[in-house]
Protein backbone atom coordinates (compact mmCIF):
# COMPACT_ATOMS: atom_id res chain seq x y z
CA MET A 1 7.26 -66.07 -45.18
CA LEU A 2 6.78 -63.94 -42.02
CA ASN A 3 6.78 -67.26 -40.06
CA LEU A 4 9.82 -68.08 -41.67
CA ILE A 5 11.40 -64.83 -40.45
CA ARG A 6 10.35 -65.15 -37.00
CA CYS A 7 11.50 -68.45 -36.83
CA GLU A 8 15.19 -66.94 -37.98
CA PHE A 9 14.86 -64.37 -35.10
CA TRP A 10 14.05 -66.74 -32.44
CA LYS A 11 17.41 -69.00 -33.80
CA LEU A 12 19.30 -65.71 -32.83
CA LYS A 13 17.57 -65.15 -29.92
CA ARG A 14 19.48 -68.49 -28.55
CA LYS A 15 23.04 -67.53 -29.84
CA MET A 16 25.72 -66.54 -27.09
CA PHE A 17 26.90 -64.29 -29.98
CA VAL A 18 24.44 -61.16 -29.41
CA GLN A 19 25.97 -61.26 -25.67
CA LEU A 20 29.17 -61.47 -26.89
CA VAL A 21 28.60 -58.21 -29.30
CA LEU A 22 26.87 -56.14 -26.43
CA ALA A 23 29.88 -56.81 -24.31
CA ALA A 24 32.53 -55.66 -26.80
CA SER A 25 30.66 -52.94 -27.53
CA PHE A 26 31.52 -51.25 -23.78
CA LEU A 27 34.98 -52.43 -24.24
CA PHE A 28 34.96 -50.33 -27.95
CA PRO A 29 35.15 -46.60 -26.78
CA ILE A 30 37.81 -47.28 -24.30
CA PRO A 31 40.66 -47.09 -26.68
CA LEU A 32 39.14 -44.10 -28.56
CA THR A 33 38.57 -42.13 -25.12
CA ALA A 34 42.27 -42.57 -24.61
CA ILE A 35 43.10 -41.29 -28.05
CA ILE A 36 40.81 -38.33 -27.66
CA TYR A 37 42.30 -37.57 -24.24
CA TYR A 38 45.54 -37.40 -25.63
CA LEU A 39 44.66 -35.37 -28.49
CA ASN A 40 42.48 -32.89 -26.07
CA THR A 41 45.82 -32.86 -23.54
CA ALA A 42 48.92 -33.17 -24.76
CA GLN A 43 47.72 -31.10 -28.26
CA ASN A 44 45.13 -29.03 -26.83
CA LYS A 45 43.13 -29.66 -29.81
CA TYR A 46 39.78 -29.13 -28.72
CA ALA A 47 38.81 -25.59 -27.48
CA THR A 48 36.03 -26.75 -24.72
CA LYS A 49 35.33 -30.13 -23.12
CA ALA A 50 31.99 -30.21 -24.92
CA ALA A 51 33.79 -30.53 -28.24
CA ALA A 52 36.24 -33.23 -26.99
CA PHE A 53 33.10 -35.15 -25.84
CA ASP A 54 31.50 -34.38 -29.25
CA ALA A 55 34.33 -35.67 -30.98
CA LEU A 56 34.85 -38.94 -28.90
CA TRP A 57 31.02 -39.70 -29.65
CA GLN A 58 31.38 -39.04 -33.19
CA SER A 59 34.09 -41.45 -33.18
CA VAL A 60 32.66 -44.08 -31.56
CA ILE A 61 29.56 -43.70 -33.68
CA GLY A 62 31.56 -43.20 -36.86
CA PHE A 63 34.04 -46.09 -36.52
CA GLY A 64 31.14 -48.63 -34.75
CA MET A 65 29.10 -48.19 -38.41
CA LEU A 66 32.26 -48.03 -40.60
CA LEU A 67 34.24 -50.71 -38.88
CA LEU A 68 32.02 -52.97 -36.48
CA LEU A 69 28.45 -53.28 -38.24
CA PRO A 70 29.74 -54.66 -41.46
CA CYS A 71 31.79 -57.61 -39.50
CA ILE A 72 29.12 -58.15 -36.97
CA LEU A 73 26.65 -58.64 -40.15
CA GLY A 74 28.97 -60.71 -41.42
CA ILE A 75 29.03 -62.97 -38.54
CA VAL A 76 25.55 -62.65 -38.11
CA ALA A 77 24.99 -63.82 -41.94
CA ALA A 78 27.51 -67.07 -41.63
CA LEU A 79 25.40 -67.74 -38.63
CA LEU A 80 22.33 -67.98 -40.04
CA PHE A 81 23.00 -69.92 -43.33
CA PHE A 82 25.27 -72.26 -41.58
CA MET A 83 22.63 -72.74 -38.13
CA GLU A 84 21.12 -75.46 -39.69
CA ARG A 85 24.21 -77.54 -41.29
CA ASP A 86 25.81 -77.24 -37.52
CA ASN A 87 22.73 -78.21 -36.02
CA ASP A 88 21.72 -81.47 -38.21
CA THR A 89 18.26 -79.82 -38.79
CA PHE A 90 18.17 -79.20 -42.29
CA LYS A 91 17.61 -82.66 -43.35
CA ASN A 92 14.28 -82.30 -41.15
CA LEU A 93 13.17 -78.89 -42.58
CA ARG A 94 13.26 -81.06 -46.04
CA THR A 95 10.12 -82.79 -44.84
CA ILE A 96 8.17 -79.74 -45.02
CA PRO A 97 7.07 -77.76 -47.46
CA ILE A 98 9.85 -75.00 -47.65
CA THR A 99 12.01 -74.69 -50.40
CA SER A 100 15.25 -73.50 -50.23
CA SER A 101 14.87 -70.23 -52.17
CA GLN A 102 12.07 -69.03 -49.26
CA MET A 103 14.92 -69.98 -46.57
CA VAL A 104 17.38 -67.95 -48.28
CA ILE A 105 15.13 -65.21 -48.69
CA ALA A 106 13.96 -65.07 -45.31
CA LYS A 107 17.81 -65.01 -44.02
CA CYS A 108 18.55 -61.98 -46.06
CA ILE A 109 15.41 -60.02 -44.87
CA VAL A 110 16.55 -60.86 -41.33
CA LEU A 111 19.96 -59.08 -42.20
CA LEU A 112 18.12 -56.46 -43.90
CA LEU A 113 16.18 -56.00 -40.89
CA LEU A 114 19.28 -55.54 -38.85
CA SER A 115 21.25 -53.18 -40.72
CA ILE A 116 18.88 -50.87 -41.69
CA PRO A 117 17.44 -48.15 -38.97
CA MET A 118 13.99 -46.15 -39.29
CA VAL A 119 15.06 -42.92 -40.02
CA VAL A 120 12.92 -39.96 -40.73
CA PRO A 121 15.13 -37.12 -40.95
CA ASP A 122 12.23 -34.22 -41.69
CA ALA A 123 8.56 -34.61 -41.11
CA GLU A 124 7.45 -32.71 -43.67
CA ALA A 125 8.51 -34.72 -46.78
CA THR A 126 5.91 -36.99 -45.68
CA LYS A 127 3.13 -34.40 -45.20
CA GLU A 128 2.39 -35.28 -49.20
CA ALA A 129 3.03 -38.98 -49.52
CA TYR A 130 1.95 -40.05 -46.44
CA PRO A 131 -0.83 -37.34 -45.07
CA ALA A 132 -1.99 -39.75 -41.94
CA GLU A 133 1.77 -39.95 -41.18
CA TYR A 134 2.24 -36.49 -41.21
CA ASN A 135 -0.53 -35.79 -38.74
CA LEU A 136 0.50 -38.23 -36.34
CA TYR A 137 3.94 -36.39 -36.50
CA GLN A 138 2.21 -32.87 -36.05
CA ARG A 139 0.04 -34.14 -32.86
CA LEU A 140 3.52 -35.64 -31.22
CA GLY A 141 5.61 -32.36 -31.72
CA ILE A 142 7.76 -34.52 -34.17
CA ARG A 143 10.23 -32.85 -36.67
CA SER A 144 12.40 -35.91 -37.02
CA VAL A 145 12.96 -39.08 -35.81
CA ILE A 146 15.52 -42.01 -35.67
CA ALA A 147 14.26 -45.53 -34.16
CA VAL A 148 15.78 -49.01 -34.55
CA SER A 149 13.97 -52.00 -33.63
CA LEU A 150 14.11 -54.46 -30.35
CA GLU A 151 16.43 -56.99 -31.47
CA PRO A 152 16.60 -60.04 -31.48
CA ARG A 153 12.53 -60.18 -31.10
CA PRO A 154 11.27 -57.26 -33.22
CA VAL A 155 8.42 -56.44 -30.98
CA ALA A 156 8.76 -52.68 -30.55
CA LEU A 157 10.89 -49.73 -31.67
CA LEU A 158 13.28 -47.78 -29.52
CA ALA A 159 13.03 -44.31 -30.91
CA VAL A 160 14.53 -40.75 -30.32
CA ARG A 161 12.60 -37.59 -31.46
CA ASN A 162 13.85 -34.49 -32.91
CA PRO A 163 17.20 -35.47 -32.75
CA LYS A 164 19.98 -32.50 -32.84
CA ARG A 165 23.07 -34.35 -34.36
CA TYR A 166 23.99 -37.95 -35.49
CA ILE A 167 20.78 -38.58 -37.11
CA GLN A 168 22.10 -41.34 -39.29
CA GLN A 169 24.51 -43.06 -37.00
CA THR A 170 22.43 -45.28 -35.04
CA SER A 171 25.17 -47.72 -33.19
CA MET A 172 24.39 -46.27 -29.73
CA LEU A 173 20.58 -46.85 -29.93
CA ARG A 174 21.16 -50.33 -30.91
CA ILE A 175 23.15 -51.12 -27.82
CA LEU A 176 20.64 -49.16 -25.65
CA ALA A 177 17.29 -51.24 -27.62
CA TYR A 178 19.17 -54.87 -26.90
CA VAL A 179 20.24 -53.25 -23.38
CA LEU A 180 16.17 -52.58 -22.91
CA LEU A 181 14.91 -55.84 -24.38
CA ALA A 182 17.27 -58.30 -21.95
CA SER A 183 16.23 -55.90 -18.76
CA TYR A 184 12.36 -56.45 -19.95
CA ASN A 185 12.45 -59.83 -20.48
CA GLU A 186 14.36 -60.45 -17.04
CA GLN A 187 11.47 -58.18 -15.08
CA LYS A 188 8.79 -60.15 -16.84
CA MET A 189 10.20 -63.42 -15.83
CA LEU A 190 10.74 -62.22 -12.19
CA ASN A 191 7.28 -60.81 -12.10
CA ARG A 192 5.92 -64.16 -13.27
CA LEU A 193 7.89 -66.25 -10.88
CA GLN A 194 6.73 -64.20 -7.91
CA MET A 195 3.18 -64.50 -9.06
CA ALA A 196 3.17 -68.05 -9.54
CA TYR A 197 1.49 -70.65 -6.91
CA ILE A 198 4.28 -72.41 -4.86
CA PRO A 199 2.96 -75.75 -2.88
CA THR A 200 2.57 -75.63 0.78
CA SER A 201 4.85 -79.18 0.93
CA ILE A 202 7.59 -76.60 0.15
CA GLN A 203 9.24 -75.70 3.26
CA SER A 204 12.79 -74.99 2.85
CA SER A 205 15.38 -74.25 -0.49
CA LYS A 206 16.32 -78.05 -0.62
CA ASP A 207 12.53 -78.62 -1.41
CA ILE A 208 11.44 -79.10 -4.96
CA TYR A 209 7.91 -80.07 -6.53
CA VAL A 210 7.01 -81.15 -9.71
CA SER A 211 4.53 -81.57 -11.35
CA LEU A 212 4.37 -84.17 -14.39
CA PHE A 213 0.62 -84.30 -14.79
CA GLY A 214 -0.57 -82.78 -17.89
CA GLU A 215 2.01 -79.95 -18.23
CA LEU A 216 5.78 -79.90 -16.88
CA SER A 217 6.16 -77.35 -13.94
CA ILE A 218 9.12 -77.09 -11.08
CA SER A 219 7.97 -75.33 -8.20
CA THR A 220 11.01 -74.19 -5.50
CA SER A 221 10.83 -71.79 -2.25
CA LYS A 222 11.64 -69.16 -4.80
CA GLY A 223 9.10 -69.20 -7.43
CA VAL A 224 7.87 -72.03 -10.35
CA LEU A 225 9.13 -72.63 -13.83
CA LYS A 226 6.30 -74.07 -16.47
CA GLU A 227 7.06 -76.17 -19.39
CA ALA A 228 6.77 -73.07 -21.76
CA ASP A 229 9.38 -71.07 -19.75
CA PHE A 230 12.43 -73.54 -21.10
CA SER A 231 11.39 -72.97 -24.06
CA SER A 232 12.27 -76.54 -25.47
CA PRO A 233 10.61 -79.49 -25.79
CA SER A 234 13.83 -81.46 -25.68
CA ILE A 235 14.46 -80.21 -22.06
CA ASN A 236 10.93 -81.34 -20.79
CA ARG A 237 11.52 -84.97 -22.14
CA LEU A 238 15.10 -85.06 -20.20
CA ILE A 239 13.87 -83.94 -16.86
CA SER A 240 10.66 -86.24 -17.15
CA TYR A 241 13.08 -89.09 -18.35
CA LEU A 242 15.58 -88.11 -15.52
CA LEU A 243 12.39 -88.39 -12.53
CA ILE A 244 10.72 -91.41 -14.13
CA SER A 245 13.63 -93.78 -14.54
CA ARG A 246 15.03 -92.62 -10.85
CA LYS A 247 18.42 -94.15 -11.46
CA ASN A 248 21.45 -93.36 -10.04
CA ALA A 249 23.16 -91.99 -13.13
CA ILE A 250 21.97 -92.18 -16.74
CA SER A 251 24.62 -91.93 -19.54
CA PRO A 252 24.55 -89.60 -22.42
CA GLN A 253 23.96 -92.55 -25.06
CA GLU A 254 20.75 -94.61 -23.08
CA ILE A 255 19.38 -90.79 -22.66
CA THR A 256 19.72 -89.98 -26.52
CA GLN A 257 18.55 -93.70 -27.45
CA THR A 258 15.51 -93.57 -25.50
CA LEU A 259 14.42 -90.17 -26.11
CA TRP A 260 15.41 -89.68 -29.34
CA PRO A 261 16.37 -92.63 -31.50
CA ASP A 262 16.50 -91.50 -34.94
CA ASP A 263 19.12 -89.13 -33.72
CA SER A 264 22.42 -90.90 -32.55
CA ASP A 265 25.07 -87.87 -33.86
CA ASN A 266 27.18 -86.98 -30.78
CA PRO A 267 24.77 -87.76 -28.07
CA ALA A 268 27.19 -86.74 -25.07
CA LYS A 269 27.28 -82.93 -26.71
CA ASN A 270 23.63 -82.80 -27.36
CA VAL A 271 22.61 -83.99 -23.97
CA LYS A 272 25.34 -81.82 -22.66
CA GLY A 273 23.96 -78.60 -24.63
CA LEU A 274 20.38 -79.66 -22.90
CA VAL A 275 21.83 -79.88 -19.44
CA TYR A 276 23.45 -76.51 -19.13
CA ARG A 277 20.45 -75.15 -20.90
CA LEU A 278 18.69 -76.55 -18.23
CA ARG A 279 20.93 -75.23 -15.19
CA GLN A 280 20.50 -71.99 -16.41
CA LYS A 281 16.75 -71.78 -16.14
CA PHE A 282 16.79 -73.87 -13.02
CA SER A 283 19.17 -71.38 -11.31
CA ILE A 284 16.34 -68.37 -12.00
CA ILE A 285 14.37 -70.43 -9.04
CA SER A 286 16.76 -72.45 -7.10
CA ASP A 287 20.44 -71.63 -5.64
CA GLU A 288 21.16 -75.19 -5.94
CA PRO A 289 21.64 -77.61 -9.59
CA LEU A 290 18.69 -80.00 -10.68
CA VAL A 291 20.61 -82.19 -12.36
CA LEU A 292 24.57 -83.46 -11.62
CA SER A 293 26.88 -84.40 -13.82
CA SER A 294 29.79 -87.35 -13.28
CA ALA A 295 31.60 -89.47 -15.21
CA SER A 296 28.28 -92.23 -15.67
CA GLY A 297 26.56 -89.73 -16.76
CA TYR A 298 23.64 -87.41 -15.48
CA GLN A 299 21.15 -87.71 -12.63
CA LEU A 300 19.18 -85.90 -10.10
CA ASN A 301 20.87 -84.15 -7.38
CA PRO A 302 20.53 -86.30 -4.68
CA GLU A 303 20.84 -83.26 -1.92
CA LEU A 304 17.56 -82.06 -2.86
CA HIS A 305 13.96 -83.10 -1.47
CA ILE A 306 12.15 -84.02 -4.94
CA MET A 307 8.51 -84.34 -4.52
CA THR A 308 6.24 -85.12 -7.45
CA ASP A 309 2.46 -85.12 -8.04
CA TYR A 310 2.72 -88.80 -9.84
CA GLN A 311 4.14 -90.14 -6.10
CA ARG A 312 1.44 -87.90 -4.20
CA PHE A 313 -1.17 -89.46 -6.21
CA ASP A 314 -0.21 -93.02 -5.36
CA GLU A 315 -0.25 -92.14 -1.94
CA LEU A 316 -3.28 -90.38 -1.93
CA VAL A 317 -5.32 -93.72 -3.82
CA SER A 318 -3.68 -95.93 -1.32
CA SER A 319 -4.66 -93.79 1.34
CA ALA A 320 -8.65 -93.99 0.15
CA VAL A 321 -8.37 -97.91 -0.01
CA ARG A 322 -7.40 -97.57 3.78
CA ALA A 323 -9.78 -94.88 4.52
CA SER A 324 -12.41 -95.81 7.56
CA SER A 325 -15.29 -94.12 6.45
CA VAL A 326 -17.22 -93.17 3.30
CA ILE A 327 -16.84 -89.11 4.41
CA ASN A 328 -13.08 -89.67 4.70
CA LYS A 329 -12.54 -91.72 1.64
CA VAL A 330 -14.78 -89.31 -0.78
CA ASP A 331 -12.22 -86.21 0.76
CA ILE A 332 -9.48 -88.17 -0.24
CA LEU A 333 -10.15 -89.07 -3.73
CA LYS A 334 -11.03 -85.68 -4.26
CA ASN A 335 -7.47 -84.68 -3.14
CA ALA A 336 -6.22 -86.94 -5.33
CA LEU A 337 -8.15 -86.35 -8.39
CA ASP A 338 -7.30 -82.66 -8.23
CA LEU A 339 -3.54 -83.46 -8.35
CA TYR A 340 -4.44 -85.00 -11.96
CA HIS A 341 -4.73 -82.40 -15.29
CA GLY A 342 -4.14 -84.83 -17.66
CA LYS A 343 -1.87 -87.67 -19.02
CA VAL A 344 1.75 -87.69 -18.11
CA LEU A 345 3.87 -84.80 -19.82
CA SER A 346 0.86 -84.33 -22.32
CA SER A 347 3.30 -82.56 -25.03
CA ALA A 348 5.14 -86.30 -25.33
CA ASP A 349 1.64 -88.18 -25.45
CA GLY A 350 2.22 -91.28 -27.44
CA GLU A 351 5.88 -91.45 -27.47
CA HIS A 352 7.11 -95.00 -26.53
CA TRP A 353 9.73 -94.09 -23.91
CA LEU A 354 6.39 -92.88 -21.81
CA ILE A 355 3.57 -95.08 -22.91
CA GLN A 356 4.07 -97.63 -19.81
CA PHE A 357 4.36 -95.10 -17.44
CA SER A 358 1.23 -92.57 -18.72
CA THR A 359 -0.89 -95.24 -19.32
CA LYS A 360 -0.38 -96.84 -15.66
CA TYR A 361 -1.86 -93.46 -14.26
CA HIS A 362 -4.41 -92.78 -16.61
CA LEU A 363 -5.89 -96.28 -15.92
CA SER A 364 -5.39 -95.40 -12.35
CA TYR A 365 -7.07 -92.03 -12.49
CA MET A 366 -10.41 -93.61 -14.07
CA GLY A 367 -10.61 -96.09 -11.67
CA ALA A 368 -10.03 -93.47 -8.73
CA VAL A 369 -12.99 -91.37 -10.77
CA SER A 370 -15.41 -94.54 -10.77
CA GLU A 371 -14.74 -94.90 -7.26
CA LEU A 372 -15.30 -91.54 -6.10
CA LEU A 373 -18.47 -91.19 -8.40
CA LYS A 374 -19.66 -94.24 -6.83
CA GLN A 375 -19.19 -92.79 -3.34
CA LEU A 376 -20.98 -89.43 -4.10
CA ASP A 377 -23.80 -91.43 -5.60
CA SER A 378 -24.82 -93.76 -2.39
CA LEU A 379 -24.00 -90.16 -0.69
CA HIS A 380 -26.43 -88.64 -2.61
CA SER A 381 -24.37 -85.68 -3.58
CA TYR A 382 -25.75 -85.65 -6.72
CA ASP A 383 -24.30 -81.66 -7.28
CA LEU A 384 -20.59 -82.86 -6.40
CA LEU A 385 -21.15 -86.26 -8.30
CA ASN A 386 -22.19 -84.04 -11.67
CA GLN A 387 -19.09 -81.82 -10.99
CA TYR A 388 -16.42 -84.58 -10.71
CA ALA A 389 -18.08 -86.37 -13.52
CA MET A 390 -17.73 -83.38 -16.11
CA LYS A 391 -14.50 -82.82 -15.05
CA SER A 392 -13.22 -86.30 -15.44
CA LEU A 393 -14.47 -86.16 -19.16
CA THR A 394 -12.82 -83.38 -20.16
CA ILE A 395 -9.63 -84.79 -19.00
CA ALA A 396 -10.64 -88.69 -20.29
CA PRO A 397 -13.61 -88.81 -22.50
CA ASP A 398 -13.29 -92.44 -23.29
CA ASN A 399 -14.30 -92.97 -19.67
CA PRO A 400 -17.71 -94.81 -20.05
CA LYS A 401 -18.18 -94.97 -16.08
CA ALA A 402 -18.14 -91.47 -15.67
CA TYR A 403 -20.91 -90.84 -18.44
CA CYS A 404 -22.83 -93.04 -16.49
CA TRP A 405 -22.82 -91.64 -13.26
CA LEU A 406 -23.15 -87.88 -15.19
CA ILE A 407 -26.33 -88.90 -16.69
CA ARG A 408 -27.23 -90.63 -13.42
CA SER A 409 -26.61 -87.57 -11.26
CA LEU A 410 -28.69 -85.07 -14.23
CA LYS A 411 -31.75 -88.03 -13.86
CA ALA A 412 -31.44 -87.52 -10.13
CA GLN A 413 -32.05 -84.00 -10.26
CA GLY A 414 -34.47 -84.14 -13.13
CA MET A 415 -32.24 -82.93 -15.61
CA ASN A 416 -33.82 -85.23 -18.23
CA GLU A 417 -33.31 -83.31 -21.49
CA LEU A 418 -29.48 -82.57 -20.32
CA ALA A 419 -29.02 -86.37 -19.44
CA THR A 420 -30.37 -87.18 -23.00
CA ASN A 421 -27.47 -84.75 -24.60
CA GLU A 422 -25.24 -86.42 -22.52
CA LEU A 423 -26.23 -89.56 -23.46
CA ALA A 424 -25.91 -88.91 -27.38
CA ALA A 425 -22.41 -87.31 -26.61
CA ALA A 426 -21.36 -90.48 -25.11
CA LYS A 427 -22.73 -92.34 -28.44
CA GLU A 428 -19.96 -89.68 -30.17
CA HIS A 429 -17.02 -90.66 -27.87
CA LEU A 430 -17.55 -94.39 -27.17
CA THR A 431 -17.36 -97.65 -28.55
CA THR A 432 -20.58 -99.67 -29.58
CA GLU A 433 -19.73 -101.78 -26.41
CA GLU A 434 -18.78 -99.03 -24.30
CA TYR A 435 -22.24 -97.46 -25.29
CA GLU A 436 -24.28 -100.45 -24.74
CA GLU A 437 -22.53 -100.46 -21.35
CA ILE A 438 -24.19 -97.08 -20.44
CA LEU A 439 -27.46 -98.40 -21.63
CA ALA A 440 -27.16 -101.90 -19.64
CA PHE A 441 -26.32 -99.18 -16.46
CA GLY A 442 -29.23 -97.32 -17.28
CA ALA A 443 -31.51 -99.58 -15.66
CA ASN A 444 -30.46 -97.94 -12.42
CA TRP A 445 -31.62 -95.03 -13.56
């Protein structure tokens, strides 16, 4: 149930309604300020300016609780209960063991959490029922407290200690809590982007470096966006497909039929929504849009100089073939293998649109590994041979050549026990034919 409640909050996080409510909350006090100002100047209703301000505060908070909060909760309830229908995801949820009753209860709990603040009007009242909590209040000098959770992701509480007035009215505190969380999230992302490693090949604002081996990442002169930053597997697949296809423009229908053949409802709207979210994220690290739209469909921005790790991998492997010496070949192959962190977009491994492209580079990687290990063996560089063989097996544990060279390097260094262990590991991971290939190779040990 806790996971369901967490998922409901994540769904609300994507809705623009929260931002609209925040904007409306700043407009709401304007007419009330005009009314209080008129009463104070024309009718001299309030003795002091402090009294007029108290009346304004009480009006904003009071009318907010009585008028706005029920309306907002009603709209949030409608969003929660109709979200699956609007996104056409309810049929997918029916395939997993979650009942309709569980979903309804989770949504109701979310509404309850949004509507109920934490209020302790008198800390002394907790002395007998909750002595540990009372002791905490005493240490902190708390006589009363009012708190609201940081929404739409309830990760902490924003609290006011010992409030003097309006202890039951929390509208303003909710607004401050949302502003605080939004500012924190923005600063957290900016800090992460500033600390991220930017490839040296990026020289100008037009240069973009995209890594697809293993996990998607996009680097610019301003920072780096990683796969998790997009918060959407669909966006990751869309970027990868546009890069791999390299067409002038791809229609929404073709994109949908290729990436999501089972989801053909309104492809234009679905792809448009993904592109919009992609542009929002990419604008954090670049002033130029990554994807352009036209009457023909969507394409990568031709004004940008987009470089990819798989293109660089191809260049290095080709250079290694033409290398004039063993030392140069080893250095070039090491640079090529350092680019490869796993299959292309590992999170989409096995999907039909990616299999051919991913398999091509995986086989090329294993070939480059075998060539590098062979050259290191000829140089008797057994430390590097051991290092690159071990690393390659973490990425491609089904490579029998890597096991062969690893065991050879261990035996050459007198580590016979470790070599025996690796031979046993090879027998576990490889087929019978591949294992026999290792045994046949053992004649050279």
